Amino acid sequence: MSVYLLSFVLLSRLSHAFDAVAPVHFGPPSLGFSSSVRSVCKPIPVTLSLCDGIGYRRMWIPNLLGHDTPKEVQQQSAAWLPLVSKLCHRDTRKFLCSLFAPVCLPELSGPVSPCRSLCEAVRDGCVPVMSAFGFPWPEMFNCSRFPSGTELCIPATDQQAGQTEEEVRHEEELRGSVICDACSLAAEGESDIQENFCGSPYALKMRLGSVSRVGVDLQLVPLAQSRILRWEGGGAER
């Protein structure tokens, strides 16, 4: 639990499309993101951990969140890896990648948005986990921005398709245990967090303004002064 908590505290990303240049297009105008860069298909870099191996190889740049370069996509999407690891919904990665790395198809002149139903399913599954760690569902993922299904969009996965009864039951049990583990954190105070982190070199608490990657390092810029809960060889700073 402490490993996932630290990840979330440090949180506050079909096949053979040709390179194509098209007018600036970022899905429905209601998404509200814009860029002066012209749309182009790019290979999904292996360094884009969130979407590496997602099932297609090329994505639109700028993406549906207005990120202009693969490097920017990589930096911004890295903050969402902890949520994927919590297994709060089977389509979490699918939903995030439809925004951070929208699939590039040769038949279409721009990216395809996630369906509203996909957004709502992931939101409803993951909000309890995010709330337990003090994070709201972000406005940039406001489900009302996405198409209702009357137009082309990325749908939610049929949860029962291709699964045996035992596989469905195991997935539900796993999902339930993850949510319960996260929700149990709500009753913990700062002293409990310190105790849980006693085996770590350090632990700190902050609200983040931005998260970026510099080489192999993750650079965190706090919105305000951070609080050190514990550090190796020392006590706690209040």
Protein backbone atom coordinates (compact mmCIF):
# COMPACT_ATOMS: atom_id res chain seq x y z
CA MET A 1 0.00 0.00 0.00
CA SER A 2 2.78 2.43 0.89
CA VAL A 3 4.39 1.99 -2.53
CA TYR A 4 1.12 2.83 -4.29
CA LEU A 5 0.45 5.71 -1.87
CA LEU A 6 3.80 7.30 -2.65
CA SER A 7 3.12 6.89 -6.36
CA PHE A 8 -0.23 8.65 -6.02
CA VAL A 9 1.09 11.37 -3.73
CA LEU A 10 3.64 12.14 -6.42
CA LEU A 11 0.97 12.18 -9.06
CA SER A 12 -1.44 15.96 -8.81
CA ARG A 13 -0.37 9.22 -21.17
CA LEU A 14 -4.36 -0.02 -36.20
CA SER A 15 -1.48 -0.83 -37.58
CA HIS A 16 0.15 0.50 -40.77
CA ALA A 17 -0.90 4.11 -41.31
CA PHE A 18 1.41 6.16 -43.49
CA ASP A 19 2.88 9.46 -42.34
CA ALA A 20 0.17 11.96 -43.15
CA VAL A 21 -0.23 15.69 -42.81
CA ALA A 22 -3.72 17.09 -42.38
CA PRO A 23 -5.37 20.28 -41.20
CA VAL A 24 -5.29 20.80 -37.46
CA HIS A 25 -7.88 18.42 -36.04
CA PHE A 26 -8.30 17.16 -32.49
CA GLY A 27 -11.58 15.31 -32.49
CA PRO A 28 -14.77 17.11 -31.44
CA PRO A 29 -14.30 20.88 -30.89
CA SER A 30 -15.95 20.43 -27.48
CA LEU A 31 -12.73 18.89 -26.17
CA GLY A 32 -11.49 22.46 -25.91
CA PHE A 33 -7.80 21.83 -26.67
CA SER A 34 -5.97 23.52 -29.52
CA SER A 35 -2.52 23.72 -31.05
CA SER A 36 -0.78 25.61 -33.84
CA VAL A 37 0.98 22.38 -34.93
CA ARG A 38 -0.45 20.54 -37.94
CA SER A 39 -1.66 17.00 -37.33
CA VAL A 40 0.66 14.15 -38.32
CA CYS A 41 0.90 10.41 -37.67
CA LYS A 42 3.90 9.30 -35.60
CA PRO A 43 5.10 5.90 -34.35
CA ILE A 44 4.31 5.27 -30.70
CA PRO A 45 7.75 5.38 -29.03
CA VAL A 46 8.76 2.43 -26.85
CA THR A 47 9.53 4.98 -24.14
CA LEU A 48 5.81 5.84 -23.94
CA SER A 49 5.23 3.29 -21.20
CA LEU A 50 1.52 3.99 -20.80
CA CYS A 51 0.69 2.97 -24.38
CA ASP A 52 3.58 0.72 -25.43
CA GLY A 53 2.03 -2.49 -26.78
CA ILE A 54 -1.50 -1.06 -26.69
CA GLY A 55 -2.46 -2.85 -29.94
CA TYR A 56 -1.66 -0.27 -32.60
CA ARG A 57 1.61 1.32 -33.66
CA ARG A 58 0.91 4.88 -34.73
CA MET A 59 -0.68 7.86 -33.02
CA TRP A 60 -1.81 11.38 -33.91
CA ILE A 61 0.33 14.35 -32.89
CA PRO A 62 -0.94 16.70 -31.53
CA ASN A 63 -3.08 14.36 -29.44
CA LEU A 64 -6.56 14.95 -28.05
CA LEU A 65 -5.09 16.77 -25.05
CA GLY A 66 -3.15 19.26 -27.20
CA HIS A 67 0.33 17.79 -26.61
CA ASP A 68 2.50 18.74 -29.58
CA THR A 69 5.38 16.22 -29.45
CA PRO A 70 5.92 12.56 -28.49
CA LYS A 71 8.28 13.79 -25.76
CA GLU A 72 5.56 15.94 -24.22
CA VAL A 73 3.11 13.04 -24.44
CA GLN A 74 5.61 10.79 -22.68
CA GLN A 75 6.21 13.30 -19.89
CA GLN A 76 2.54 14.07 -19.24
CA SER A 77 1.30 10.49 -19.49
CA ALA A 78 3.85 9.12 -17.01
CA ALA A 79 1.86 10.61 -14.14
CA TRP A 80 -1.04 8.22 -14.90
CA LEU A 81 0.89 4.96 -14.70
CA PRO A 82 0.10 4.54 -10.96
CA LEU A 83 -3.63 4.68 -11.72
CA VAL A 84 -3.28 1.95 -14.35
CA SER A 85 -1.39 -0.19 -11.84
CA LYS A 86 -4.30 0.03 -9.39
CA LEU A 87 -6.51 -2.00 -11.79
CA CYS A 88 -9.55 0.13 -10.93
CA HIS A 89 -11.09 -0.62 -14.34
CA ARG A 90 -10.16 -2.94 -17.19
CA ASP A 91 -10.35 -0.08 -19.73
CA THR A 92 -8.27 2.51 -17.83
CA ARG A 93 -5.28 2.14 -20.15
CA LYS A 94 -7.50 2.02 -23.24
CA PHE A 95 -9.23 5.26 -22.23
CA LEU A 96 -6.00 7.10 -21.35
CA CYS A 97 -4.25 6.02 -24.55
CA SER A 98 -7.23 7.10 -26.67
CA LEU A 99 -6.43 10.62 -25.41
CA PHE A 100 -2.65 10.61 -24.99
CA ALA A 101 -1.89 8.47 -28.08
CA PRO A 102 -5.02 8.40 -30.28
CA VAL A 103 -4.86 5.72 -32.96
CA CYS A 104 -3.88 6.89 -36.44
CA LEU A 105 -5.81 5.17 -39.24
CA PRO A 106 -5.12 5.84 -42.94
CA GLU A 107 -8.86 6.00 -43.68
CA LEU A 108 -9.42 8.94 -41.31
CA SER A 109 -8.16 12.52 -41.38
CA GLY A 110 -7.90 12.85 -37.61
CA PRO A 111 -8.05 11.05 -34.26
CA VAL A 112 -11.07 9.21 -32.89
CA SER A 113 -12.30 10.29 -29.46
CA PRO A 114 -13.25 7.85 -26.70
CA CYS A 115 -16.99 7.30 -26.36
CA ARG A 116 -18.70 8.97 -23.44
CA SER A 117 -19.69 5.53 -22.13
CA LEU A 118 -16.01 4.49 -22.03
CA CYS A 119 -15.09 7.62 -20.10
CA GLU A 120 -17.97 7.14 -17.65
CA ALA A 121 -17.12 3.48 -17.05
CA VAL A 122 -13.47 4.26 -16.26
CA ARG A 123 -14.44 7.30 -14.18
CA ASP A 124 -16.94 5.35 -12.09
CA GLY A 125 -14.42 2.57 -11.51
CA CYS A 126 -11.44 4.77 -10.68
CA VAL A 127 -12.91 7.75 -8.80
CA PRO A 128 -13.11 5.77 -5.51
CA VAL A 129 -9.42 4.91 -5.79
CA MET A 130 -8.37 8.44 -6.75
CA SER A 131 -10.52 9.99 -4.01
CA ALA A 132 -8.94 7.74 -1.40
CA PHE A 133 -5.60 9.30 -2.30
CA GLY A 134 -6.97 12.85 -2.41
CA PHE A 135 -7.27 13.28 -6.19
CA PRO A 136 -10.47 14.32 -8.00
CA TRP A 137 -11.43 13.20 -11.50
CA PRO A 138 -9.70 15.87 -13.67
CA GLU A 139 -11.66 18.37 -15.74
CA MET A 140 -9.66 17.44 -18.85
CA PHE A 141 -11.37 14.02 -18.62
CA ASN A 142 -14.86 15.52 -18.29
CA CYS A 143 -17.00 12.81 -19.86
CA SER A 144 -19.56 15.27 -21.23
CA ARG A 145 -16.90 16.39 -23.74
CA PHE A 146 -16.94 13.04 -25.52
CA PRO A 147 -19.44 11.74 -28.10
CA SER A 148 -22.43 9.78 -26.84
CA GLY A 149 -22.05 7.01 -29.40
CA THR A 150 -24.05 8.36 -32.33
CA GLU A 151 -20.75 9.15 -34.09
CA LEU A 152 -17.48 7.28 -34.51
CA CYS A 153 -15.73 6.82 -31.15
CA ILE A 154 -13.71 4.30 -29.10
CA PRO A 155 -16.20 2.13 -27.15
CA ALA A 156 -15.86 0.43 -23.79
CA THR A 157 -14.88 -3.24 -23.79
CA ASP A 158 -17.65 -5.77 -23.31
CA GLN A 159 -16.68 -7.01 -19.88
CA GLN A 160 -18.03 -10.52 -20.42
CA ALA A 161 -16.77 -11.02 -23.99
CA GLY A 162 -14.35 -13.90 -24.34
CA GLN A 163 -14.15 -14.52 -20.59
CA THR A 164 -15.07 -17.62 -18.65
CA GLU A 165 -17.20 -17.32 -15.52
CA GLU A 166 -14.14 -18.05 -13.40
CA GLU A 167 -12.12 -15.30 -15.13
CA VAL A 168 -14.91 -12.76 -14.62
CA ARG A 169 -15.23 -13.70 -10.95
CA HIS A 170 -11.46 -13.47 -10.41
CA GLU A 171 -11.33 -10.04 -12.07
CA GLU A 172 -14.21 -8.76 -9.91
CA GLU A 173 -12.57 -10.08 -6.75
CA LEU A 174 -9.25 -8.48 -7.70
CA ARG A 175 -10.90 -5.17 -8.54
CA GLY A 176 -12.85 -5.22 -5.28
CA SER A 177 -9.76 -5.90 -3.18
CA VAL A 178 -7.85 -3.05 -4.84
CA ILE A 179 -10.64 -0.55 -4.19
CA CYS A 180 -11.05 -1.71 -0.59
CA ASP A 181 -7.30 -1.41 0.03
CA ALA A 182 -7.33 2.13 -1.29
CA CYS A 183 -10.45 3.16 0.63
CA SER A 184 -9.03 1.84 3.88
CA LEU A 185 -6.42 4.58 3.62
CA ALA A 186 -9.07 7.21 4.38
CA ALA A 187 -8.95 6.35 8.08
CA GLU A 188 -5.18 6.65 8.30
CA GLY A 189 -3.59 9.73 9.79
CA GLU A 190 -0.18 11.21 9.14
CA SER A 191 1.35 9.20 11.98
CA ASP A 192 0.12 5.98 10.33
CA ILE A 193 1.64 7.02 7.02
CA GLN A 194 4.97 7.69 8.74
CA GLU A 195 4.88 4.25 10.32
CA ASN A 196 4.11 2.59 6.98
CA PHE A 197 7.04 4.41 5.38
CA CYS A 198 9.53 3.55 8.11
CA GLY A 199 11.32 1.13 5.81
CA SER A 200 11.77 3.72 3.06
CA PRO A 201 14.74 6.13 2.72
CA TYR A 202 12.36 9.10 2.77
CA ALA A 203 8.71 10.10 2.48
CA LEU A 204 7.22 13.48 1.73
CA LYS A 205 3.86 15.06 1.05
CA MET A 206 3.21 17.74 -1.57
CA ARG A 207 0.73 19.14 -4.07
CA LEU A 208 2.27 19.01 -7.54
CA GLY A 209 2.23 21.78 -10.10
CA SER A 210 3.83 19.73 -12.86
CA VAL A 211 5.54 16.41 -13.53
CA SER A 212 8.17 16.00 -16.25
CA ARG A 213 10.96 13.61 -17.14
CA VAL A 214 14.59 14.74 -17.44
CA GLY A 215 16.58 11.88 -18.91
CA VAL A 216 15.77 8.89 -16.71
CA ASP A 217 14.76 11.11 -13.77
CA LEU A 218 11.28 12.34 -12.87
CA GLN A 219 11.18 16.08 -12.11
CA LEU A 220 8.46 17.22 -9.70
CA VAL A 221 7.55 20.88 -9.25
CA PRO A 222 5.40 21.50 -6.13
CA LEU A 223 2.64 24.08 -6.00
CA ALA A 224 3.57 24.98 -2.44
CA GLN A 225 6.14 24.06 0.19
CA SER A 226 6.37 20.30 0.61
CA ARG A 227 6.27 18.54 3.95
CA ILE A 228 8.90 15.92 4.77
CA LEU A 229 7.31 13.09 6.70
CA ARG A 230 10.49 11.10 7.19
CA TRP A 231 14.04 10.86 5.89
CA GLU A 232 16.81 8.36 6.46
CA GLY A 233 18.85 9.21 9.52
CA GLY A 234 16.49 11.96 10.66
CA GLY A 235 13.16 12.64 12.23
CA ALA A 236 10.15 14.38 10.78
CA GLU A 237 9.93 17.98 9.67
CA ARG A 238 6.62 19.73 10.34
